[in-house]
Amino acid sequence: MGSTLSCLQTRRPRRSKVLFLTTQPPAEIKAEWPFYQNWFLPELVRKRGADVQLRCWRDGELDAAAVSNYDAVTFLWCNNYHAHPIEFPDFVRKVLIRAQEQNPRLNIFNDPAIVLWNCDKHYLLELAAAGFMISRSKFVDSTTLTSTSLTSTIRGFSDTTAVILKPAISGSARGTHLIRDPRDLSTEDEVFIDSVITNGVRGDLIVQEFEETISAGEYSLIFINGRHTHTILKVPHGDYRCQGEYGGSVEEISESDVPPNARDVAQKIIRYISAKVVKSDQYYDVEGSPLVYARVDGIMRGEKFILMEVEAVEPHLWLEAKSGSLALDDLCKVFFRRE
């Protein structure tokens, strides 16, 4: 009896079994900046006591039964999922949702319903209908376009101001093109239009009004468990795009430097998205947020915050920023929620 009691007293709690989904085979991933965002997260979670595994979601052996054996599954290492606009949503529906049905305590974050909603930028139209301001946009079925019809669509959308063309399924400004003067297309404009017709785009093509105030920077407001934790300002230099790969600068800004309207509107957007998921409180953090992480990107037009996009699948959360440490601690707790 004594030895049995001693054994029970010294038995360690089971380690949380965590799966980081990847799009590339894990062995091919260069886990360092600037090659990979959130690059240090799996190792950090491992050091905090979890049994961490990396598996490519395109691996045919990763079925619902296999996934259901984990305690937590995250998309935060799922870079470039949008390169597979059909296969990725199929995996979420046929594997992840079924795995959660088999194991109702399986914690998938962000929730599959939010991930499916966020995969295609059509969500911007829903947010606009809900009262949030977005850039004036037109979504066009890219499969029916010809060079002539696309040119006509662009000029019908705006013949006086610059417009942006971009795919509805994309990330990091990939496949994006700025037309400065729709009335007088440049050679580069015509080449891009021809490439859209010849090569196609992922999903619909978005024709969008160009926001000149992007020159002052785009605000990226990061939220963890429904709380605004820190903000990054990205400013373009020598290009209309603000991402670092196009020459943009990146800096963390203090809470006092975040425009109040940007913070207030972003918080309302987070609440709107969170309300799309209804589950038992066991899935949420202590305050009941079903949205574990998200990044809200937008620009200021005067005093008004204009939403550019919401990233809720695999956003760069800038956890390495000075104010990111508290956010990192809050995020890491989610990996151990079941213990």
Protein backbone atom coordinates (compact mmCIF):
# COMPACT_ATOMS: atom_id res chain seq x y z
CA MET A 1 0.00 0.00 0.00
CA GLY A 2 2.82 2.38 0.92
CA SER A 3 4.63 1.86 -2.37
CA THR A 4 1.42 2.37 -4.36
CA LEU A 5 0.76 5.63 -2.52
CA SER A 6 4.30 6.78 -3.14
CA CYS A 7 3.90 6.03 -6.84
CA LEU A 8 0.66 8.02 -7.02
CA GLN A 9 2.23 10.94 -5.21
CA THR A 10 5.18 11.16 -7.59
CA ARG A 11 3.25 10.57 -10.82
CA ARG A 12 3.57 13.57 -13.09
CA PRO A 13 0.56 15.07 -14.83
CA ARG A 14 0.18 14.16 -18.50
CA ARG A 15 1.85 16.65 -20.82
CA SER A 16 -0.45 18.56 -23.12
CA LYS A 17 -0.20 17.15 -26.64
CA VAL A 18 -0.03 20.05 -29.11
CA LEU A 19 -0.12 19.99 -32.91
CA PHE A 20 1.18 22.87 -35.04
CA LEU A 21 -0.23 22.49 -38.54
CA THR A 22 2.11 23.42 -41.39
CA THR A 23 1.63 23.84 -45.12
CA GLN A 24 5.21 22.88 -45.98
CA PRO A 25 6.69 19.58 -44.82
CA PRO A 26 8.19 20.49 -41.40
CA ALA A 27 11.69 19.39 -42.47
CA GLU A 28 11.67 22.09 -45.19
CA ILE A 29 10.77 24.96 -42.87
CA LYS A 30 13.46 27.50 -42.02
CA ALA A 31 12.24 28.55 -38.57
CA GLU A 32 13.78 32.00 -38.33
CA TRP A 33 12.91 35.55 -39.29
CA PRO A 34 12.31 36.72 -41.99
CA PHE A 35 11.61 33.28 -43.44
CA TYR A 36 8.90 32.33 -40.99
CA GLN A 37 6.54 34.35 -38.81
CA ASN A 38 5.88 33.31 -35.20
CA TRP A 39 9.01 31.22 -35.76
CA PHE A 40 9.89 30.62 -32.11
CA LEU A 41 6.43 29.61 -30.87
CA PRO A 42 6.58 25.78 -31.12
CA GLU A 43 9.91 25.59 -29.29
CA LEU A 44 8.69 27.97 -26.61
CA VAL A 45 5.53 25.92 -26.00
CA ARG A 46 7.69 22.81 -25.86
CA LYS A 47 9.96 24.40 -23.26
CA ARG A 48 6.92 25.26 -21.17
CA GLY A 49 6.06 21.59 -20.89
CA ALA A 50 3.96 20.54 -23.87
CA ASP A 51 4.54 17.60 -26.19
CA VAL A 52 4.75 19.59 -29.44
CA GLN A 53 4.50 18.07 -32.90
CA LEU A 54 4.67 19.67 -36.34
CA ARG A 55 2.69 18.03 -39.13
CA CYS A 56 1.82 19.11 -42.65
CA TRP A 57 -1.93 19.30 -43.12
CA ARG A 58 -1.45 17.97 -46.67
CA ASP A 59 -0.12 14.70 -45.24
CA GLY A 60 -2.74 12.10 -46.17
CA GLU A 61 -2.08 10.19 -42.93
CA LEU A 62 -3.25 13.14 -40.87
CA ASP A 63 -6.91 12.19 -40.73
CA ALA A 64 -9.65 13.00 -38.23
CA ALA A 65 -8.80 10.02 -36.03
CA ALA A 66 -5.16 11.09 -35.80
CA VAL A 67 -6.02 14.71 -35.05
CA SER A 68 -8.55 13.75 -32.38
CA ASN A 69 -5.72 12.34 -30.24
CA TYR A 70 -4.28 15.81 -29.60
CA ASP A 71 -5.28 18.22 -26.86
CA ALA A 72 -4.66 21.37 -28.88
CA VAL A 73 -4.28 22.13 -32.59
CA THR A 74 -3.25 25.52 -33.97
CA PHE A 75 -2.94 27.17 -37.38
CA LEU A 76 -0.26 29.59 -36.25
CA TRP A 77 2.44 27.84 -38.26
CA CYS A 78 0.24 27.32 -41.30
CA ASN A 79 2.04 29.84 -43.54
CA ASN A 80 0.98 30.04 -47.17
CA TYR A 81 -2.21 28.02 -46.71
CA HIS A 82 -3.85 30.33 -49.26
CA ALA A 83 -1.74 28.74 -52.01
CA HIS A 84 -4.20 25.83 -51.71
CA PRO A 85 -7.61 27.55 -51.92
CA ILE A 86 -9.56 24.32 -52.43
CA GLU A 87 -7.54 21.78 -50.47
CA PHE A 88 -7.16 23.82 -47.28
CA PRO A 89 -10.89 24.49 -46.63
CA ASP A 90 -11.55 20.82 -47.47
CA PHE A 91 -9.03 19.77 -44.82
CA VAL A 92 -10.66 22.03 -42.24
CA ARG A 93 -14.13 20.63 -42.98
CA LYS A 94 -13.31 16.97 -43.52
CA VAL A 95 -10.53 16.49 -40.96
CA LEU A 96 -10.56 19.14 -38.26
CA ILE A 97 -14.30 19.52 -37.76
CA ARG A 98 -14.73 15.73 -37.76
CA ALA A 99 -11.85 15.37 -35.29
CA GLN A 100 -13.61 17.79 -32.96
CA GLU A 101 -16.79 15.75 -33.28
CA GLN A 102 -14.84 12.65 -32.28
CA ASN A 103 -13.15 14.46 -29.38
CA PRO A 104 -15.33 17.35 -28.13
CA ARG A 105 -12.54 18.45 -25.76
CA LEU A 106 -10.13 19.00 -28.65
CA ASN A 107 -9.11 22.66 -28.64
CA ILE A 108 -8.60 23.95 -32.20
CA PHE A 109 -7.63 27.57 -32.53
CA ASN A 110 -8.70 29.55 -34.09
CA ASP A 111 -12.05 27.84 -34.32
CA PRO A 112 -12.63 26.12 -37.70
CA ALA A 113 -15.74 28.21 -38.35
CA ILE A 114 -13.73 31.42 -38.01
CA VAL A 115 -10.87 30.05 -40.12
CA LEU A 116 -13.20 29.08 -42.97
CA TRP A 117 -14.85 32.50 -42.82
CA ASN A 118 -11.47 34.28 -42.83
CA CYS A 119 -9.91 32.34 -45.75
CA ASP A 120 -11.61 34.45 -48.42
CA LYS A 121 -11.76 38.25 -48.35
CA HIS A 122 -15.48 38.16 -49.07
CA TYR A 123 -15.73 38.50 -45.28
CA LEU A 124 -15.02 42.22 -45.86
CA LEU A 125 -18.43 42.60 -47.49
CA GLU A 126 -20.09 41.07 -44.44
CA LEU A 127 -18.20 43.41 -42.13
CA ALA A 128 -19.15 46.37 -44.32
CA ALA A 129 -22.80 45.31 -44.15
CA ALA A 130 -22.42 45.18 -40.35
CA GLY A 131 -21.42 48.85 -40.35
CA PHE A 132 -17.61 48.75 -40.44
CA MET A 133 -15.86 50.97 -42.97
CA ILE A 134 -13.82 49.31 -45.72
CA SER A 135 -12.33 50.67 -48.92
CA ARG A 136 -14.87 50.79 -51.74
CA SER A 137 -14.57 47.38 -53.40
CA LYS A 138 -16.01 45.27 -56.19
CA PHE A 139 -15.60 41.49 -56.29
CA VAL A 140 -15.42 40.09 -59.82
CA ASP A 141 -15.69 36.46 -60.94
CA SER A 142 -12.22 35.97 -62.41
CA THR A 143 -13.21 32.89 -64.41
CA THR A 144 -15.41 34.92 -66.76
CA LEU A 145 -13.02 37.77 -67.49
CA THR A 146 -11.33 38.81 -70.71
CA SER A 147 -8.77 41.58 -71.01
CA THR A 148 -11.44 43.80 -72.56
CA SER A 149 -14.08 43.09 -69.92
CA LEU A 150 -11.63 43.55 -67.04
CA THR A 151 -10.42 46.86 -68.44
CA SER A 152 -14.04 47.95 -68.81
CA THR A 153 -14.78 46.86 -65.23
CA ILE A 154 -11.82 48.85 -63.90
CA ARG A 155 -12.84 52.01 -65.75
CA GLY A 156 -16.47 51.54 -64.75
CA PHE A 157 -15.38 51.27 -61.14
CA SER A 158 -13.22 54.40 -61.28
CA ASP A 159 -12.01 56.48 -64.19
CA THR A 160 -10.54 59.26 -62.07
CA THR A 161 -8.78 57.70 -59.07
CA ALA A 162 -6.21 54.94 -58.61
CA VAL A 163 -7.40 51.39 -58.00
CA ILE A 164 -5.92 48.23 -56.55
CA LEU A 165 -6.37 44.79 -58.09
CA LYS A 166 -5.84 41.78 -55.82
CA PRO A 167 -7.06 38.22 -55.36
CA ALA A 168 -9.76 37.47 -52.81
CA ILE A 169 -7.60 34.61 -51.51
CA SER A 170 -4.07 35.79 -50.80
CA GLY A 171 -1.69 37.08 -48.15
CA SER A 172 1.14 39.60 -47.66
CA ALA A 173 0.00 41.67 -50.66
CA ARG A 174 0.88 38.84 -53.08
CA GLY A 175 -0.68 39.21 -56.51
CA THR A 176 -1.55 42.85 -55.83
CA HIS A 177 -1.25 45.58 -58.45
CA LEU A 178 -1.80 49.34 -58.36
CA ILE A 179 -3.29 51.10 -61.39
CA ARG A 180 -2.52 54.80 -61.02
CA ASP A 181 -4.66 56.03 -63.91
CA PRO A 182 -7.49 53.76 -65.16
CA ARG A 183 -8.00 56.08 -68.15
CA ASP A 184 -4.42 55.61 -69.36
CA LEU A 185 -3.16 52.11 -68.59
CA SER A 186 0.60 51.70 -68.47
CA THR A 187 2.47 48.80 -70.04
CA GLU A 188 2.81 47.29 -66.56
CA ASP A 189 -0.95 47.57 -66.05
CA GLU A 190 -1.65 45.79 -69.33
CA VAL A 191 0.86 43.03 -68.51
CA PHE A 192 -0.80 42.46 -65.13
CA ILE A 193 -4.27 42.36 -66.66
CA ASP A 194 -3.08 39.84 -69.26
CA SER A 195 -1.53 37.70 -66.50
CA VAL A 196 -4.85 37.65 -64.63
CA ILE A 197 -6.60 36.41 -67.74
CA THR A 198 -3.88 33.90 -68.67
CA ASN A 199 -2.95 32.55 -65.25
CA GLY A 200 -6.06 33.28 -63.25
CA VAL A 201 -6.22 34.28 -59.57
CA ARG A 202 -7.22 32.51 -56.40
CA GLY A 203 -10.91 33.14 -55.91
CA ASP A 204 -12.54 36.30 -57.18
CA LEU A 205 -10.60 39.38 -58.24
CA ILE A 206 -11.08 42.45 -56.05
CA VAL A 207 -11.16 45.88 -57.68
CA GLN A 208 -10.62 48.31 -54.83
CA GLU A 209 -10.25 52.04 -54.37
CA PHE A 210 -6.65 52.93 -53.52
CA GLU A 211 -6.31 54.62 -50.15
CA GLU A 212 -3.76 57.42 -50.51
CA THR A 213 -3.45 57.76 -46.72
CA ILE A 214 -1.65 54.40 -46.63
CA SER A 215 1.42 56.63 -47.02
CA ALA A 216 1.03 57.52 -43.32
CA GLY A 217 1.08 53.85 -42.41
CA GLU A 218 -1.12 50.86 -41.72
CA TYR A 219 -1.99 50.00 -38.12
CA SER A 220 -1.87 46.33 -37.11
CA LEU A 221 -3.73 45.86 -33.83
CA ILE A 222 -3.05 42.49 -32.20
CA PHE A 223 -5.61 40.77 -30.00
CA ILE A 224 -5.07 37.74 -27.77
CA ASN A 225 -8.09 36.11 -26.13
CA GLY A 226 -10.21 39.08 -27.15
CA ARG A 227 -7.90 41.68 -25.58
CA HIS A 228 -5.90 44.31 -27.44
CA THR A 229 -2.29 43.68 -26.43
CA HIS A 230 -0.06 45.73 -28.75
CA THR A 231 0.04 47.61 -32.04
CA ILE A 232 2.47 47.68 -34.96
CA LEU A 233 2.68 50.54 -37.48
CA LYS A 234 3.84 49.60 -40.99
CA VAL A 235 4.84 52.47 -43.27
CA PRO A 236 5.54 52.09 -47.01
CA HIS A 237 8.78 53.43 -48.49
CA GLY A 238 9.30 53.57 -52.25
CA ASP A 239 6.25 51.37 -52.87
CA TYR A 240 2.53 51.56 -52.14
CA ARG A 241 2.75 48.32 -50.10
CA CYS A 242 3.78 48.58 -46.47
CA GLN A 243 5.11 45.04 -45.92
CA GLY A 244 8.80 44.68 -45.13
CA GLU A 245 9.49 42.63 -48.24
CA TYR A 246 8.50 45.69 -50.32
CA GLY A 247 10.70 48.09 -48.36
CA GLY A 248 8.19 49.10 -45.70
CA SER A 249 9.31 49.97 -42.18
CA VAL A 250 7.86 48.35 -39.08
CA GLU A 251 7.74 49.69 -35.55
CA GLU A 252 5.79 49.02 -32.39
CA ILE A 253 3.87 52.06 -31.19
CA SER A 254 2.68 52.89 -27.69
CA GLU A 255 -0.94 52.67 -26.63
CA SER A 256 -1.14 56.47 -26.56
CA ASP A 257 -0.08 56.64 -30.22
CA VAL A 258 -2.88 54.36 -31.43
CA PRO A 259 -5.74 56.48 -32.80
CA PRO A 260 -8.73 56.01 -30.43
CA ASN A 261 -11.09 55.29 -33.30
CA ALA A 262 -8.77 52.56 -34.60
CA ARG A 263 -8.66 50.85 -31.22
CA ASP A 264 -12.42 51.15 -30.63
CA VAL A 265 -13.43 49.92 -34.08
CA ALA A 266 -10.93 47.04 -34.02
CA GLN A 267 -12.30 45.91 -30.65
CA LYS A 268 -15.85 45.93 -32.05
CA ILE A 269 -14.69 43.88 -35.04
CA ILE A 270 -13.16 41.31 -32.68
CA ARG A 271 -16.43 41.07 -30.75
CA TYR A 272 -18.38 40.68 -33.98
CA ILE A 273 -16.18 37.82 -35.16
CA SER A 274 -16.19 36.15 -31.73
CA ALA A 275 -19.98 36.08 -31.77
CA LYS A 276 -19.88 33.84 -34.84
CA VAL A 277 -18.89 30.88 -32.63
CA VAL A 278 -21.04 29.45 -29.88
CA LYS A 279 -19.56 26.76 -27.65
CA SER A 280 -19.24 25.74 -24.04
CA ASP A 281 -17.00 27.94 -21.89
CA GLN A 282 -14.51 25.07 -21.65
CA TYR A 283 -13.25 26.11 -25.08
CA TYR A 284 -12.55 29.69 -24.14
CA ASP A 285 -10.21 31.67 -21.97
CA VAL A 286 -11.36 32.89 -18.57
CA GLU A 287 -13.25 35.78 -20.14
CA GLY A 288 -15.04 33.57 -22.64
CA SER A 289 -13.43 34.67 -25.93
CA PRO A 290 -13.64 32.09 -28.73
CA LEU A 291 -11.18 34.12 -30.81
CA VAL A 292 -7.79 33.15 -29.37
CA TYR A 293 -5.77 35.45 -31.61
CA ALA A 294 -6.32 37.95 -34.42
CA ARG A 295 -4.74 40.92 -36.11
CA VAL A 296 -6.84 43.81 -37.39
CA ASP A 297 -5.16 45.90 -40.10
CA GLY A 298 -6.38 49.30 -41.19
CA ILE A 299 -5.56 52.88 -42.07
CA MET A 300 -6.88 56.23 -40.94
CA ARG A 301 -8.91 58.41 -43.29
CA GLY A 302 -9.10 61.57 -41.27
CA GLU A 303 -10.52 60.48 -37.90
CA LYS A 304 -12.08 57.31 -39.32
CA PHE A 305 -10.55 53.83 -39.22
CA ILE A 306 -10.77 52.03 -42.56
CA LEU A 307 -10.49 48.26 -42.25
CA MET A 308 -8.08 46.69 -44.73
CA GLU A 309 -8.21 43.10 -43.49
CA VAL A 310 -8.56 40.78 -40.51
CA GLU A 311 -6.00 38.01 -40.08
CA ALA A 312 -7.34 35.14 -37.96
CA VAL A 313 -5.69 32.06 -39.52
CA GLU A 314 -1.89 32.40 -39.32
CA PRO A 315 -1.13 36.08 -38.76
CA HIS A 316 2.25 37.41 -37.76
CA LEU A 317 1.37 38.45 -34.22
CA TRP A 318 4.63 40.30 -33.56
CA LEU A 319 5.05 38.44 -30.28
CA GLU A 320 8.73 39.33 -30.47
CA ALA A 321 7.88 43.02 -30.00
CA LYS A 322 8.61 44.71 -26.68
CA SER A 323 4.97 44.62 -25.57
CA GLY A 324 4.46 41.17 -27.04
CA SER A 325 5.70 39.31 -23.95
CA LEU A 326 2.43 39.62 -22.05
CA ALA A 327 0.52 38.64 -25.16
CA LEU A 328 2.83 35.65 -25.52
CA ASP A 329 2.13 34.54 -21.96
CA ASP A 330 -1.64 34.80 -22.52
CA LEU A 331 -1.38 32.87 -25.77
CA CYS A 332 0.75 30.10 -24.28
CA LYS A 333 -1.85 29.44 -21.59
CA VAL A 334 -4.27 28.31 -24.29
CA PHE A 335 -1.99 25.42 -25.24
CA PHE A 336 -2.37 24.02 -21.70
CA ARG A 337 -6.06 24.71 -21.27
CA ARG A 338 -6.98 21.04 -20.78
CA GLU A 339 -4.44 20.23 -18.06
